[in-house]
Amino acid sequence: MARRMVGDDQDVFRVVVVRKARYWDYEQRRYVETDDTVTAHYGPYNTIGAARGQRTSLGFVDHYDHEMGKWVRVMKRGVVSCDIQKAHTTWEDVA
């Protein structure tokens, strides 16, 4: 699958998600979180809007809080941080 990339001298964005590392415990039959973290990079995306959309779906969940009477956005279970990084493209000839 080909990905549409940007031209020379433009910005590209990626999403960086840091999660708690976990492993499958066969005796307890569930995942167990550790103190270590795992970093994953998603992208590149041509627009900041596309990166924000991915950040929302990868790192956050919305739920209705009945005590507060409104929708609240919280980080998904196991997600430590979810950020967007920007880079600037420079193309050059390869021998």
N, C-alpha and C. Protein backbone atom coordinates (compact mmCIF):
# COMPACT_ATOMS: atom_id res chain seq x y z
N MET A 1 0.84 -1.17 0.00
CA MET A 1 0.00 0.00 0.00
C MET A 1 0.89 1.23 0.00
N ALA A 2 0.66 2.13 -0.92
CA ALA A 2 1.45 3.35 -1.01
C ALA A 2 0.86 4.42 -0.10
N ARG A 3 1.71 5.18 0.51
CA ARG A 3 1.28 6.28 1.38
C ARG A 3 1.64 7.59 0.71
N ARG A 4 0.70 8.50 0.68
CA ARG A 4 0.95 9.80 0.06
C ARG A 4 1.80 10.63 1.00
N MET A 5 2.96 11.02 0.52
CA MET A 5 3.89 11.83 1.33
C MET A 5 3.86 13.27 0.85
N VAL A 6 4.45 14.13 1.63
CA VAL A 6 4.48 15.56 1.30
C VAL A 6 5.69 15.87 0.44
N GLY A 7 5.66 17.05 -0.15
CA GLY A 7 6.77 17.49 -0.98
C GLY A 7 7.89 18.09 -0.16
N ASP A 8 8.81 18.74 -0.86
CA ASP A 8 9.96 19.35 -0.22
C ASP A 8 9.55 20.57 0.59
N ASP A 9 10.21 20.75 1.73
CA ASP A 9 10.04 21.93 2.57
C ASP A 9 8.63 22.05 3.14
N GLN A 10 8.07 20.93 3.62
CA GLN A 10 6.75 20.92 4.25
C GLN A 10 6.83 20.19 5.59
N ASP A 11 5.81 20.39 6.41
CA ASP A 11 5.75 19.74 7.71
C ASP A 11 5.02 18.40 7.63
N VAL A 12 5.49 17.44 8.40
CA VAL A 12 4.81 16.16 8.57
C VAL A 12 4.67 15.92 10.08
N PHE A 13 3.69 15.10 10.45
CA PHE A 13 3.38 14.88 11.86
C PHE A 13 3.31 13.39 12.14
N ARG A 14 3.60 13.02 13.41
CA ARG A 14 3.43 11.64 13.84
C ARG A 14 2.93 11.64 15.28
N VAL A 15 2.30 10.55 15.64
CA VAL A 15 1.77 10.37 16.99
C VAL A 15 2.70 9.45 17.76
N VAL A 16 3.06 9.84 18.98
CA VAL A 16 3.93 9.05 19.84
C VAL A 16 3.12 8.63 21.06
N VAL A 17 2.90 7.32 21.20
CA VAL A 17 2.12 6.79 22.31
C VAL A 17 3.05 5.99 23.22
N VAL A 18 3.05 6.34 24.50
CA VAL A 18 3.84 5.62 25.50
C VAL A 18 2.84 4.85 26.37
N ARG A 19 3.00 3.52 26.38
CA ARG A 19 2.12 2.65 27.16
C ARG A 19 2.92 1.90 28.21
N LYS A 20 2.22 1.47 29.25
CA LYS A 20 2.84 0.59 30.22
C LYS A 20 3.03 -0.77 29.56
N ALA A 21 4.19 -1.36 29.79
CA ALA A 21 4.45 -2.69 29.25
C ALA A 21 3.60 -3.69 30.02
N ARG A 22 3.17 -4.75 29.33
CA ARG A 22 2.37 -5.77 30.00
C ARG A 22 2.69 -7.14 29.42
N TYR A 23 2.37 -8.14 30.17
CA TYR A 23 2.59 -9.51 29.71
C TYR A 23 1.40 -10.36 30.12
N TRP A 24 1.23 -11.49 29.44
CA TRP A 24 0.12 -12.39 29.72
C TRP A 24 0.52 -13.36 30.83
N ASP A 25 -0.22 -13.32 31.92
CA ASP A 25 0.01 -14.24 33.02
C ASP A 25 -0.93 -15.43 32.84
N TYR A 26 -0.34 -16.60 32.57
CA TYR A 26 -1.14 -17.79 32.28
C TYR A 26 -1.89 -18.30 33.50
N GLU A 27 -1.34 -18.13 34.68
CA GLU A 27 -2.02 -18.59 35.88
C GLU A 27 -3.25 -17.73 36.20
N GLN A 28 -3.11 -16.41 36.06
CA GLN A 28 -4.22 -15.51 36.36
C GLN A 28 -5.14 -15.31 35.15
N ARG A 29 -4.68 -15.73 33.97
CA ARG A 29 -5.41 -15.60 32.72
C ARG A 29 -5.80 -14.15 32.44
N ARG A 30 -4.83 -13.26 32.57
CA ARG A 30 -5.05 -11.86 32.27
C ARG A 30 -3.71 -11.18 32.03
N TYR A 31 -3.78 -9.99 31.44
CA TYR A 31 -2.57 -9.20 31.26
C TYR A 31 -2.19 -8.53 32.57
N VAL A 32 -0.89 -8.47 32.83
CA VAL A 32 -0.37 -7.83 34.03
C VAL A 32 0.56 -6.71 33.58
N GLU A 33 0.30 -5.49 34.08
CA GLU A 33 1.13 -4.35 33.72
C GLU A 33 2.40 -4.33 34.56
N THR A 34 3.49 -3.87 33.94
CA THR A 34 4.77 -3.74 34.63
C THR A 34 5.10 -2.26 34.80
N ASP A 35 6.21 -1.97 35.43
CA ASP A 35 6.65 -0.58 35.59
C ASP A 35 7.36 -0.05 34.35
N ASP A 36 7.72 -0.93 33.42
CA ASP A 36 8.40 -0.51 32.19
C ASP A 36 7.39 0.11 31.22
N THR A 37 7.91 0.87 30.25
CA THR A 37 7.05 1.48 29.24
C THR A 37 7.50 1.06 27.84
N VAL A 38 6.56 1.14 26.91
CA VAL A 38 6.80 0.82 25.51
C VAL A 38 6.35 2.02 24.69
N THR A 39 7.20 2.47 23.76
CA THR A 39 6.89 3.63 22.92
C THR A 39 6.57 3.16 21.51
N ALA A 40 5.46 3.66 20.95
CA ALA A 40 5.06 3.34 19.58
C ALA A 40 4.87 4.63 18.81
N HIS A 41 5.29 4.61 17.53
CA HIS A 41 5.17 5.78 16.65
C HIS A 41 4.18 5.45 15.53
N TYR A 42 3.25 6.37 15.26
CA TYR A 42 2.26 6.19 14.20
C TYR A 42 2.35 7.38 13.26
N GLY A 43 2.38 7.10 11.98
CA GLY A 43 2.46 8.17 10.99
C GLY A 43 3.50 7.84 9.94
N PRO A 44 3.90 8.74 9.12
CA PRO A 44 3.66 10.19 9.17
C PRO A 44 2.30 10.57 8.58
N TYR A 45 1.79 11.71 9.03
CA TYR A 45 0.54 12.28 8.55
C TYR A 45 0.85 13.64 7.93
N ASN A 46 0.11 13.97 6.87
CA ASN A 46 0.35 15.23 6.15
C ASN A 46 -0.20 16.44 6.88
N THR A 47 -1.23 16.25 7.70
CA THR A 47 -1.86 17.39 8.37
C THR A 47 -1.90 17.16 9.87
N ILE A 48 -1.95 18.26 10.60
CA ILE A 48 -2.06 18.18 12.06
C ILE A 48 -3.42 17.59 12.45
N GLY A 49 -4.44 17.83 11.65
CA GLY A 49 -5.76 17.29 11.94
C GLY A 49 -5.79 15.77 11.90
N ALA A 50 -5.11 15.18 10.94
CA ALA A 50 -5.04 13.73 10.86
C ALA A 50 -4.30 13.15 12.06
N ALA A 51 -3.24 13.81 12.47
CA ALA A 51 -2.49 13.34 13.64
C ALA A 51 -3.32 13.48 14.91
N ARG A 52 -4.08 14.56 15.04
CA ARG A 52 -4.93 14.74 16.21
C ARG A 52 -6.03 13.67 16.27
N GLY A 53 -6.57 13.33 15.12
CA GLY A 53 -7.59 12.28 15.07
C GLY A 53 -7.03 10.94 15.53
N GLN A 54 -5.84 10.60 15.07
CA GLN A 54 -5.21 9.35 15.49
C GLN A 54 -4.87 9.38 16.98
N ARG A 55 -4.40 10.52 17.46
CA ARG A 55 -4.08 10.64 18.89
C ARG A 55 -5.34 10.40 19.73
N THR A 56 -6.45 10.95 19.30
CA THR A 56 -7.70 10.76 20.03
C THR A 56 -8.11 9.30 20.06
N SER A 57 -8.02 8.61 18.91
CA SER A 57 -8.47 7.22 18.87
C SER A 57 -7.48 6.27 19.56
N LEU A 58 -6.20 6.61 19.55
CA LEU A 58 -5.20 5.73 20.16
C LEU A 58 -5.05 5.94 21.66
N GLY A 59 -5.24 7.16 22.14
CA GLY A 59 -4.89 7.45 23.52
C GLY A 59 -6.03 7.81 24.45
N PHE A 60 -7.21 8.12 23.91
CA PHE A 60 -8.26 8.63 24.77
C PHE A 60 -9.57 7.87 24.57
N VAL A 61 -10.42 7.95 25.57
CA VAL A 61 -11.76 7.39 25.49
C VAL A 61 -12.72 8.39 26.14
N ASP A 62 -13.89 8.54 25.54
CA ASP A 62 -14.91 9.43 26.09
C ASP A 62 -15.96 8.61 26.81
N HIS A 63 -16.40 9.08 27.96
CA HIS A 63 -17.51 8.43 28.65
C HIS A 63 -18.34 9.48 29.38
N TYR A 64 -19.59 9.13 29.62
CA TYR A 64 -20.49 10.06 30.28
C TYR A 64 -20.39 9.89 31.79
N ASP A 65 -20.03 10.95 32.50
CA ASP A 65 -19.93 10.93 33.95
C ASP A 65 -21.26 11.43 34.52
N HIS A 66 -22.00 10.53 35.17
CA HIS A 66 -23.32 10.87 35.69
C HIS A 66 -23.25 11.84 36.86
N GLU A 67 -22.19 11.78 37.65
CA GLU A 67 -22.06 12.70 38.77
C GLU A 67 -21.85 14.14 38.30
N MET A 68 -21.03 14.30 37.26
CA MET A 68 -20.76 15.63 36.74
C MET A 68 -21.82 16.06 35.73
N GLY A 69 -22.52 15.09 35.15
CA GLY A 69 -23.56 15.40 34.18
C GLY A 69 -23.05 15.82 32.83
N LYS A 70 -21.86 15.34 32.43
CA LYS A 70 -21.31 15.70 31.12
C LYS A 70 -20.34 14.62 30.64
N TRP A 71 -19.97 14.74 29.36
CA TRP A 71 -19.00 13.83 28.77
C TRP A 71 -17.60 14.21 29.22
N VAL A 72 -16.80 13.20 29.54
CA VAL A 72 -15.44 13.41 30.02
C VAL A 72 -14.49 12.59 29.16
N ARG A 73 -13.35 13.18 28.80
CA ARG A 73 -12.32 12.47 28.03
C ARG A 73 -11.17 12.12 28.96
N VAL A 74 -10.85 10.83 29.05
CA VAL A 74 -9.76 10.35 29.88
C VAL A 74 -8.84 9.47 29.04
N MET A 75 -7.62 9.27 29.53
CA MET A 75 -6.67 8.43 28.81
C MET A 75 -7.09 6.97 28.94
N LYS A 76 -6.84 6.21 27.89
CA LYS A 76 -7.15 4.79 27.92
C LYS A 76 -6.29 4.08 28.96
N ARG A 77 -6.77 2.94 29.40
CA ARG A 77 -6.05 2.16 30.39
C ARG A 77 -4.69 1.76 29.85
N GLY A 78 -3.66 2.00 30.63
CA GLY A 78 -2.30 1.63 30.25
C GLY A 78 -1.54 2.67 29.47
N VAL A 79 -2.21 3.74 29.01
CA VAL A 79 -1.53 4.78 28.25
C VAL A 79 -0.92 5.79 29.23
N VAL A 80 0.38 6.01 29.11
CA VAL A 80 1.08 6.96 29.97
C VAL A 80 1.04 8.36 29.36
N SER A 81 1.33 8.47 28.06
CA SER A 81 1.26 9.75 27.37
C SER A 81 0.96 9.52 25.89
N CYS A 82 0.42 10.55 25.27
CA CYS A 82 0.06 10.47 23.85
C CYS A 82 0.28 11.86 23.26
N ASP A 83 1.35 12.02 22.49
CA ASP A 83 1.76 13.33 22.00
C ASP A 83 1.89 13.32 20.48
N ILE A 84 1.99 14.53 19.92
CA ILE A 84 2.21 14.71 18.48
C ILE A 84 3.56 15.38 18.28
N GLN A 85 4.33 14.86 17.33
CA GLN A 85 5.62 15.46 16.97
C GLN A 85 5.55 15.97 15.54
N LYS A 86 6.33 17.03 15.26
CA LYS A 86 6.36 17.63 13.93
C LYS A 86 7.78 17.56 13.38
N ALA A 87 7.89 17.28 12.09
CA ALA A 87 9.18 17.28 11.40
C ALA A 87 9.04 18.11 10.12
N HIS A 88 10.17 18.55 9.61
CA HIS A 88 10.21 19.34 8.39
C HIS A 88 10.97 18.54 7.34
N THR A 89 10.38 18.37 6.17
CA THR A 89 11.00 17.51 5.16
C THR A 89 12.05 18.25 4.35
N THR A 90 13.12 17.55 4.06
CA THR A 90 14.16 18.03 3.15
C THR A 90 14.56 16.84 2.30
N TRP A 91 14.42 16.98 1.00
CA TRP A 91 14.74 15.90 0.08
C TRP A 91 16.09 16.16 -0.56
N GLU A 92 16.84 15.07 -0.79
CA GLU A 92 18.14 15.20 -1.44
C GLU A 92 18.37 13.98 -2.31
N ASP A 93 19.26 14.10 -3.27
CA ASP A 93 19.58 13.02 -4.19
C ASP A 93 20.36 11.92 -3.46
N VAL A 94 20.08 10.69 -3.84
CA VAL A 94 20.78 9.53 -3.28
C VAL A 94 21.61 8.91 -4.40
N ALA A 95 22.86 8.61 -4.09
CA ALA A 95 23.76 8.05 -5.10
C ALA A 95 23.41 6.63 -5.42
